[in-house]
């Protein structure tokens, strides 16, 4: 009997905690969250991903801890088919976070890591068009767009 799951979706820092119910309709996928402020347990990561070849790692790129966790995961899971789905910080989050994100993007590019990156400026434009009521809403909007993208990836790969 084959115990392989089509996808394992890993969220760094619980980006999808509020929206994880959106993934319940994905056939045989497994969703897990890792906290970037805790030491990444290599054994736990390998154990949770052992039955999945396709890994989607979801992370925001504006924090040093999350980026360290992301790159450590990619190293540990180098024998898996990994896709990074990430978003960059908004301008109002500051230049420091943008610089951290730009460095992470440079590293991902230099290592030829498969990635889908959502640039905050494009989200901000859509957010204004959607006429959401406050800044808190934009984070929900971004998370929903990430969920929608992951659903499309899985559907495009006939795993749904």
N, C-alpha and C. Protein backbone atom coordinates (compact mmCIF):
# COMPACT_ATOMS: atom_id res chain seq x y z
N UNK A 1 0.85 -1.19 0.00
CA UNK A 1 0.00 0.00 0.00
C UNK A 1 0.88 1.25 0.00
N UNK A 2 0.55 2.20 -0.84
CA UNK A 2 1.32 3.43 -0.96
C UNK A 2 0.79 4.46 0.04
N UNK A 3 1.65 4.91 0.95
CA UNK A 3 1.25 5.90 1.95
C UNK A 3 1.67 7.31 1.55
N UNK A 4 2.11 7.50 0.32
CA UNK A 4 2.59 8.81 -0.11
C UNK A 4 1.43 9.77 -0.30
N UNK A 5 1.57 10.94 0.27
CA UNK A 5 0.57 12.00 0.09
C UNK A 5 1.04 12.88 -1.05
N UNK A 6 0.10 13.41 -1.85
CA UNK A 6 0.51 14.27 -2.95
C UNK A 6 1.26 15.51 -2.49
N UNK A 7 0.81 16.15 -1.42
CA UNK A 7 1.42 17.39 -0.96
C UNK A 7 1.47 17.46 0.55
N UNK A 8 2.52 18.08 1.04
CA UNK A 8 2.59 18.51 2.43
C UNK A 8 2.76 20.03 2.38
N UNK A 9 1.89 20.73 3.06
CA UNK A 9 1.95 22.19 3.09
C UNK A 9 2.49 22.60 4.44
N UNK A 10 3.64 23.27 4.43
CA UNK A 10 4.29 23.71 5.66
C UNK A 10 4.14 25.23 5.76
N UNK A 11 3.60 25.68 6.85
CA UNK A 11 3.47 27.11 7.11
C UNK A 11 4.48 27.51 8.17
N UNK A 12 5.34 28.46 7.84
CA UNK A 12 6.30 28.97 8.82
C UNK A 12 5.61 30.11 9.57
N UNK A 13 5.58 30.00 10.87
CA UNK A 13 4.96 30.98 11.78
C UNK A 13 3.45 31.05 11.64
N UNK A 14 2.84 29.98 11.19
CA UNK A 14 1.38 29.89 11.21
C UNK A 14 0.66 30.86 10.32
N UNK A 15 1.27 31.22 9.18
CA UNK A 15 0.62 32.15 8.28
C UNK A 15 -0.79 31.72 7.90
N UNK A 16 -1.05 30.41 7.92
CA UNK A 16 -2.35 29.91 7.50
C UNK A 16 -3.22 29.44 8.65
N UNK A 17 -2.86 29.71 9.88
CA UNK A 17 -3.66 29.18 10.99
C UNK A 17 -5.14 29.49 10.84
N UNK A 18 -5.46 30.73 10.50
CA UNK A 18 -6.86 31.12 10.39
C UNK A 18 -7.53 30.51 9.17
N UNK A 19 -6.71 30.16 8.17
CA UNK A 19 -7.28 29.74 6.90
C UNK A 19 -7.05 28.27 6.60
N UNK A 20 -6.51 27.52 7.56
CA UNK A 20 -6.19 26.12 7.30
C UNK A 20 -7.42 25.31 6.92
N UNK A 21 -8.60 25.74 7.32
CA UNK A 21 -9.82 25.01 6.93
C UNK A 21 -10.01 25.04 5.42
N UNK A 22 -9.42 26.02 4.75
CA UNK A 22 -9.52 26.09 3.29
C UNK A 22 -8.78 24.94 2.62
N UNK A 23 -7.88 24.30 3.34
CA UNK A 23 -7.11 23.21 2.75
C UNK A 23 -7.77 21.85 2.97
N UNK A 24 -8.82 21.79 3.76
CA UNK A 24 -9.42 20.49 4.05
C UNK A 24 -9.96 19.82 2.80
N UNK A 25 -10.28 20.60 1.79
CA UNK A 25 -10.82 20.02 0.57
C UNK A 25 -9.74 19.46 -0.35
N UNK A 26 -8.48 19.64 -0.01
CA UNK A 26 -7.39 19.13 -0.83
C UNK A 26 -7.16 17.68 -0.48
N UNK A 27 -7.35 16.82 -1.44
CA UNK A 27 -7.30 15.38 -1.23
C UNK A 27 -5.93 14.92 -0.75
N UNK A 28 -5.91 14.27 0.39
CA UNK A 28 -4.71 13.63 0.93
C UNK A 28 -3.54 14.57 1.24
N UNK A 29 -3.78 15.85 1.35
CA UNK A 29 -2.70 16.76 1.72
C UNK A 29 -2.57 16.82 3.23
N UNK A 30 -1.41 17.20 3.67
CA UNK A 30 -1.11 17.30 5.10
C UNK A 30 -0.57 18.69 5.36
N UNK A 31 -1.15 19.39 6.32
CA UNK A 31 -0.72 20.75 6.64
C UNK A 31 -0.09 20.78 8.03
N UNK A 32 1.03 21.49 8.14
CA UNK A 32 1.74 21.58 9.41
C UNK A 32 2.36 22.97 9.54
N UNK A 33 2.47 23.44 10.78
CA UNK A 33 3.07 24.74 11.05
C UNK A 33 4.32 24.58 11.89
N UNK A 34 5.35 25.34 11.55
CA UNK A 34 6.58 25.40 12.35
C UNK A 34 6.80 26.84 12.80
N UNK A 35 7.22 27.00 14.04
CA UNK A 35 7.48 28.31 14.64
C UNK A 35 8.94 28.67 14.42
N UNK A 36 9.19 29.77 13.73
CA UNK A 36 10.57 30.16 13.42
C UNK A 36 11.34 30.64 14.65
N UNK A 37 10.63 30.92 15.74
CA UNK A 37 11.30 31.40 16.95
C UNK A 37 11.75 30.24 17.84
N UNK A 38 11.47 29.02 17.41
CA UNK A 38 11.93 27.84 18.13
C UNK A 38 12.94 27.13 17.25
N UNK A 39 13.82 26.38 17.87
CA UNK A 39 14.81 25.60 17.11
C UNK A 39 14.08 24.59 16.24
N UNK A 40 14.43 24.57 14.95
CA UNK A 40 13.80 23.62 14.04
C UNK A 40 14.30 22.22 14.36
N UNK A 41 13.36 21.34 14.62
CA UNK A 41 13.69 19.96 14.94
C UNK A 41 13.74 19.17 13.63
N UNK A 42 14.95 18.81 13.21
CA UNK A 42 15.14 18.11 11.94
C UNK A 42 14.38 16.79 11.90
N UNK A 43 14.42 16.04 13.00
CA UNK A 43 13.72 14.76 13.06
C UNK A 43 12.21 14.97 12.87
N UNK A 44 11.64 15.96 13.56
CA UNK A 44 10.21 16.24 13.46
C UNK A 44 9.84 16.62 12.02
N UNK A 45 10.64 17.47 11.39
CA UNK A 45 10.38 17.89 10.02
C UNK A 45 10.41 16.67 9.08
N UNK A 46 11.43 15.84 9.21
CA UNK A 46 11.52 14.66 8.35
C UNK A 46 10.37 13.69 8.61
N UNK A 47 10.00 13.54 9.86
CA UNK A 47 8.90 12.64 10.22
C UNK A 47 7.58 13.13 9.62
N UNK A 48 7.33 14.43 9.71
CA UNK A 48 6.06 14.98 9.22
C UNK A 48 5.99 15.01 7.70
N UNK A 49 7.12 14.98 7.04
CA UNK A 49 7.13 15.05 5.57
C UNK A 49 7.50 13.72 4.92
N UNK A 50 7.70 12.68 5.71
CA UNK A 50 8.22 11.42 5.15
C UNK A 50 7.31 10.80 4.10
N UNK A 51 6.01 11.01 4.20
CA UNK A 51 5.09 10.42 3.23
C UNK A 51 4.70 11.37 2.11
N UNK A 52 5.43 12.46 1.97
CA UNK A 52 5.14 13.45 0.93
C UNK A 52 6.40 13.75 0.14
N UNK A 53 6.26 13.72 -1.16
CA UNK A 53 7.38 14.09 -2.02
C UNK A 53 7.29 15.56 -2.40
N UNK A 54 6.07 16.05 -2.60
CA UNK A 54 5.84 17.44 -2.98
C UNK A 54 5.57 18.28 -1.73
N UNK A 55 6.43 19.24 -1.50
CA UNK A 55 6.34 20.09 -0.31
C UNK A 55 6.12 21.53 -0.74
N UNK A 56 5.11 22.17 -0.16
CA UNK A 56 4.90 23.60 -0.37
C UNK A 56 5.20 24.28 0.95
N UNK A 57 6.19 25.16 0.95
CA UNK A 57 6.57 25.89 2.16
C UNK A 57 6.07 27.32 2.00
N UNK A 58 5.26 27.75 2.96
CA UNK A 58 4.65 29.07 2.92
C UNK A 58 5.29 29.94 4.00
N UNK A 59 5.76 31.12 3.57
CA UNK A 59 6.43 32.00 4.52
C UNK A 59 6.39 33.44 4.05
N UNK A 60 6.38 34.35 5.01
CA UNK A 60 6.65 35.75 4.71
C UNK A 60 8.17 35.92 4.71
N UNK A 61 8.69 36.78 3.87
CA UNK A 61 10.14 36.91 3.73
C UNK A 61 10.75 38.08 4.50
N UNK A 62 9.98 38.77 5.32
CA UNK A 62 10.48 39.97 5.97
C UNK A 62 11.16 39.77 7.31
N UNK A 63 11.32 38.54 7.77
CA UNK A 63 11.92 38.33 9.08
C UNK A 63 13.12 37.40 9.04
N UNK A 64 14.15 37.73 9.81
CA UNK A 64 15.36 36.91 9.84
C UNK A 64 15.09 35.50 10.34
N UNK A 65 14.29 35.36 11.40
CA UNK A 65 14.01 34.03 11.96
C UNK A 65 13.29 33.15 10.95
N UNK A 66 12.26 33.69 10.31
CA UNK A 66 11.51 32.90 9.32
C UNK A 66 12.41 32.50 8.15
N UNK A 67 13.28 33.41 7.72
CA UNK A 67 14.17 33.08 6.60
C UNK A 67 15.17 32.01 6.98
N UNK A 68 15.72 32.09 8.19
CA UNK A 68 16.64 31.03 8.64
C UNK A 68 15.93 29.68 8.66
N UNK A 69 14.70 29.67 9.18
CA UNK A 69 13.92 28.43 9.22
C UNK A 69 13.65 27.93 7.80
N UNK A 70 13.28 28.83 6.91
CA UNK A 70 13.01 28.46 5.52
C UNK A 70 14.23 27.80 4.88
N UNK A 71 15.39 28.43 5.00
CA UNK A 71 16.59 27.90 4.35
C UNK A 71 17.06 26.60 4.99
N UNK A 72 16.87 26.47 6.29
CA UNK A 72 17.22 25.21 6.96
C UNK A 72 16.29 24.10 6.49
N UNK A 73 14.99 24.41 6.36
CA UNK A 73 14.04 23.42 5.84
C UNK A 73 14.42 22.97 4.44
N UNK A 74 14.75 23.93 3.59
CA UNK A 74 15.12 23.60 2.22
C UNK A 74 16.34 22.69 2.17
N UNK A 75 17.28 22.92 3.08
CA UNK A 75 18.47 22.07 3.13
C UNK A 75 18.10 20.65 3.59
N UNK A 76 17.28 20.57 4.62
CA UNK A 76 16.87 19.26 5.15
C UNK A 76 16.03 18.50 4.12
N UNK A 77 15.21 19.20 3.38
CA UNK A 77 14.28 18.57 2.44
C UNK A 77 14.80 18.58 1.01
N UNK A 78 16.10 18.66 0.84
CA UNK A 78 16.67 18.80 -0.51
C UNK A 78 16.35 17.62 -1.42
N UNK A 79 15.98 16.48 -0.86
CA UNK A 79 15.62 15.31 -1.68
C UNK A 79 14.13 15.30 -2.05
N UNK A 80 13.40 16.33 -1.63
CA UNK A 80 11.97 16.44 -1.93
C UNK A 80 11.77 17.49 -3.02
N UNK A 81 10.59 17.51 -3.59
CA UNK A 81 10.21 18.51 -4.58
C UNK A 81 9.58 19.68 -3.82
N UNK A 82 10.37 20.72 -3.54
CA UNK A 82 9.90 21.85 -2.72
C UNK A 82 9.55 23.06 -3.58
N UNK A 83 8.47 23.71 -3.20
CA UNK A 83 8.05 24.96 -3.79
C UNK A 83 7.85 25.95 -2.64
N UNK A 84 8.47 27.11 -2.74
CA UNK A 84 8.31 28.16 -1.74
C UNK A 84 7.24 29.13 -2.24
N UNK A 85 6.22 29.34 -1.43
CA UNK A 85 5.19 30.34 -1.72
C UNK A 85 5.36 31.40 -0.64
N UNK A 86 5.75 32.60 -1.06
CA UNK A 86 6.12 33.63 -0.08
C UNK A 86 5.56 34.99 -0.47
N UNK A 87 5.50 35.86 0.52
CA UNK A 87 5.13 37.25 0.25
C UNK A 87 6.17 38.18 0.86
N UNK A 88 6.31 39.33 0.23
CA UNK A 88 7.26 40.34 0.70
C UNK A 88 6.52 41.33 1.60
N UNK A 89 7.27 42.06 2.43
CA UNK A 89 6.62 43.03 3.33
C UNK A 89 6.04 44.23 2.56
N UNK A 90 5.04 44.83 3.15
CA UNK A 90 4.49 46.06 2.61
C UNK A 90 5.44 47.21 2.92
N UNK A 91 5.36 48.28 2.13
CA UNK A 91 6.23 49.44 2.35
C UNK A 91 6.07 50.00 3.76
N UNK A 92 4.85 49.99 4.29
CA UNK A 92 4.63 50.56 5.62
C UNK A 92 5.25 49.72 6.73
N UNK A 93 5.73 48.49 6.39
CA UNK A 93 6.39 47.65 7.39
C UNK A 93 7.87 48.02 7.56
N UNK A 94 8.38 48.88 6.70
CA UNK A 94 9.72 49.40 6.90
C UNK A 94 10.78 48.88 5.95
N UNK A 95 11.82 49.70 5.82
CA UNK A 95 12.93 49.39 4.91
C UNK A 95 13.72 48.16 5.37
N UNK A 96 13.88 48.00 6.68
CA UNK A 96 14.65 46.86 7.20
C UNK A 96 14.03 45.53 6.75
N UNK A 97 12.71 45.40 6.89
CA UNK A 97 12.03 44.17 6.47
C UNK A 97 12.14 43.98 4.96
N UNK A 98 12.04 45.06 4.19
CA UNK A 98 12.18 44.95 2.73
C UNK A 98 13.58 44.47 2.36
N UNK A 99 14.60 44.99 3.06
CA UNK A 99 15.98 44.57 2.79
C UNK A 99 16.18 43.09 3.13
N UNK A 100 15.60 42.65 4.23
CA UNK A 100 15.70 41.23 4.62
C UNK A 100 15.03 40.37 3.54
N UNK A 101 13.86 40.79 3.08
CA UNK A 101 13.15 40.04 2.04
C UNK A 101 13.94 40.02 0.74
N UNK A 102 14.53 41.14 0.37
CA UNK A 102 15.32 41.19 -0.87
C UNK A 102 16.51 40.25 -0.80
N UNK A 103 17.15 40.16 0.36
CA UNK A 103 18.28 39.24 0.52
C UNK A 103 17.80 37.78 0.41
N UNK A 104 16.66 37.49 1.01
CA UNK A 104 16.10 36.13 0.91
C UNK A 104 15.78 35.79 -0.54
N UNK A 105 15.21 36.73 -1.26
CA UNK A 105 14.91 36.51 -2.68
C UNK A 105 16.19 36.26 -3.47
N UNK A 106 17.23 37.00 -3.17
CA UNK A 106 18.52 36.82 -3.86
C UNK A 106 19.05 35.41 -3.61
N UNK A 107 18.96 34.95 -2.37
CA UNK A 107 19.45 33.60 -2.03
C UNK A 107 18.61 32.53 -2.73
N UNK A 108 17.28 32.69 -2.69
CA UNK A 108 16.42 31.72 -3.37
C UNK A 108 16.76 31.65 -4.86
N UNK A 109 16.97 32.80 -5.45
CA UNK A 109 17.32 32.86 -6.87
C UNK A 109 18.67 32.20 -7.13
N UNK A 110 19.66 32.49 -6.30
CA UNK A 110 21.00 31.93 -6.50
C UNK A 110 21.03 30.41 -6.35
N UNK A 111 20.09 29.87 -5.55
CA UNK A 111 20.02 28.42 -5.34
C UNK A 111 19.03 27.74 -6.28
N UNK A 112 18.45 28.52 -7.19
CA UNK A 112 17.46 27.99 -8.15
C UNK A 112 16.31 27.26 -7.47
N UNK A 113 15.83 27.84 -6.39
CA UNK A 113 14.69 27.27 -5.65
C UNK A 113 13.40 27.63 -6.38
N UNK A 114 12.54 26.64 -6.57
CA UNK A 114 11.23 26.91 -7.17
C UNK A 114 10.43 27.79 -6.21
N UNK A 115 9.86 28.85 -6.74
CA UNK A 115 9.17 29.79 -5.86
C UNK A 115 8.06 30.53 -6.59
N UNK A 116 7.07 30.92 -5.81
CA UNK A 116 6.05 31.87 -6.23
C UNK A 116 6.09 32.96 -5.18
N UNK A 117 6.37 34.18 -5.60
CA UNK A 117 6.49 35.29 -4.66
C UNK A 117 5.40 36.30 -4.95
N UNK A 118 4.71 36.68 -3.88
CA UNK A 118 3.72 37.73 -3.96
C UNK A 118 4.37 39.03 -3.50
N UNK A 119 4.42 39.98 -4.38
CA UNK A 119 5.02 41.27 -4.03
C UNK A 119 3.95 42.16 -3.42
N UNK A 120 4.27 42.72 -2.27
CA UNK A 120 3.28 43.45 -1.48
C UNK A 120 2.66 44.62 -2.24
N UNK A 121 3.41 45.25 -3.10
CA UNK A 121 2.86 46.40 -3.82
C UNK A 121 1.67 46.00 -4.68
N UNK A 122 1.74 44.83 -5.31
CA UNK A 122 0.61 44.38 -6.13
C UNK A 122 -0.59 44.06 -5.25
N UNK A 123 -0.36 43.51 -4.06
CA UNK A 123 -1.46 43.25 -3.14
C UNK A 123 -2.09 44.55 -2.67
N UNK A 124 -1.24 45.55 -2.41
CA UNK A 124 -1.75 46.82 -1.92
C UNK A 124 -2.68 47.45 -2.96
N UNK A 125 -2.30 47.35 -4.23
CA UNK A 125 -3.14 47.88 -5.30
C UNK A 125 -4.48 47.15 -5.33
N UNK A 126 -4.45 45.81 -5.27
CA UNK A 126 -5.69 45.03 -5.26
C UNK A 126 -6.52 45.36 -4.03
N UNK A 127 -5.83 45.51 -2.90
CA UNK A 127 -6.54 45.80 -1.65
C UNK A 127 -7.33 47.09 -1.77
N UNK A 128 -6.72 48.12 -2.33
CA UNK A 128 -7.42 49.39 -2.49
C UNK A 128 -8.61 49.23 -3.42
N UNK A 129 -8.42 48.44 -4.48
CA UNK A 129 -9.52 48.21 -5.41
C UNK A 129 -10.66 47.47 -4.72
N UNK A 130 -10.33 46.57 -3.81
CA UNK A 130 -11.36 45.80 -3.10
C UNK A 130 -12.06 46.64 -2.04
N UNK A 131 -11.49 47.83 -1.72
CA UNK A 131 -12.07 48.74 -0.74
C UNK A 131 -12.27 48.08 0.63
N UNK A 132 -11.22 47.44 1.10
CA UNK A 132 -11.28 46.86 2.44
C UNK A 132 -11.24 47.97 3.48
N UNK A 133 -11.67 47.67 4.69
CA UNK A 133 -11.92 48.73 5.66
C UNK A 133 -10.71 49.17 6.47
N UNK A 134 -9.71 48.33 6.67
CA UNK A 134 -8.56 48.76 7.46
C UNK A 134 -7.33 47.91 7.14
N UNK A 135 -6.18 48.30 7.70
CA UNK A 135 -4.93 47.62 7.41
C UNK A 135 -4.96 46.15 7.81
N UNK A 136 -5.66 45.82 8.88
CA UNK A 136 -5.74 44.43 9.31
C UNK A 136 -6.33 43.56 8.20
N UNK A 137 -7.28 44.12 7.44
CA UNK A 137 -7.91 43.38 6.37
C UNK A 137 -6.93 42.99 5.27
N UNK A 138 -5.90 43.78 5.05
CA UNK A 138 -4.98 43.46 3.97
C UNK A 138 -4.22 42.16 4.25
N UNK A 139 -3.90 41.89 5.52
CA UNK A 139 -3.21 40.64 5.84
C UNK A 139 -4.13 39.45 5.58
N UNK A 140 -5.41 39.58 5.90
CA UNK A 140 -6.38 38.52 5.60
C UNK A 140 -6.49 38.34 4.09
N UNK A 141 -6.51 39.44 3.36
CA UNK A 141 -6.59 39.39 1.91
C UNK A 141 -5.38 38.65 1.32
N UNK A 142 -4.19 38.97 1.81
CA UNK A 142 -2.97 38.31 1.34
C UNK A 142 -3.04 36.81 1.63
N UNK A 143 -3.41 36.44 2.84
CA UNK A 143 -3.49 35.02 3.20
C UNK A 143 -4.50 34.28 2.33
N UNK A 144 -5.62 34.90 2.04
CA UNK A 144 -6.61 34.25 1.18
C UNK A 144 -6.07 34.08 -0.24
N UNK A 145 -5.31 35.06 -0.72
CA UNK A 145 -4.70 34.93 -2.05
C UNK A 145 -3.68 33.79 -2.07
N UNK A 146 -2.93 33.63 -0.98
CA UNK A 146 -1.97 32.53 -0.89
C UNK A 146 -2.69 31.19 -0.91
N UNK A 147 -3.77 31.08 -0.15
CA UNK A 147 -4.56 29.85 -0.12
C UNK A 147 -5.10 29.54 -1.52
N UNK A 148 -5.62 30.55 -2.18
CA UNK A 148 -6.17 30.36 -3.53
C UNK A 148 -5.08 29.87 -4.50
N UNK A 149 -3.89 30.44 -4.38
CA UNK A 149 -2.78 30.04 -5.24
C UNK A 149 -2.40 28.58 -4.99
N UNK A 150 -2.31 28.19 -3.74
CA UNK A 150 -1.95 26.80 -3.43
C UNK A 150 -3.02 25.84 -3.93
N UNK A 151 -4.27 26.21 -3.78
CA UNK A 151 -5.34 25.37 -4.33
C UNK A 151 -5.19 25.22 -5.84
N UNK A 152 -4.81 26.29 -6.53
CA UNK A 152 -4.62 26.23 -7.99
C UNK A 152 -3.43 25.34 -8.35
N UNK A 153 -2.37 25.42 -7.57
CA UNK A 153 -1.18 24.58 -7.82
C UNK A 153 -1.57 23.11 -7.74
N UNK A 154 -2.29 22.76 -6.69
CA UNK A 154 -2.66 21.37 -6.48
C UNK A 154 -3.65 20.91 -7.55
N UNK A 155 -4.59 21.75 -7.88
CA UNK A 155 -5.55 21.39 -8.93
C UNK A 155 -4.83 21.23 -10.27
N UNK A 156 -3.89 22.10 -10.57
CA UNK A 156 -3.14 22.02 -11.84
C UNK A 156 -2.32 20.74 -11.92
N UNK A 157 -1.95 20.19 -10.77
CA UNK A 157 -1.18 18.96 -10.74
C UNK A 157 -2.07 17.73 -10.58
N UNK A 158 -3.38 17.94 -10.75
CA UNK A 158 -4.36 16.85 -10.68
C UNK A 158 -4.32 16.08 -9.37
N UNK A 159 -4.00 16.78 -8.29
CA UNK A 159 -4.00 16.14 -6.98
C UNK A 159 -5.25 16.45 -6.19
N UNK A 160 -6.16 17.16 -6.75
CA UNK A 160 -7.38 17.55 -6.05
C UNK A 160 -8.49 16.58 -6.34
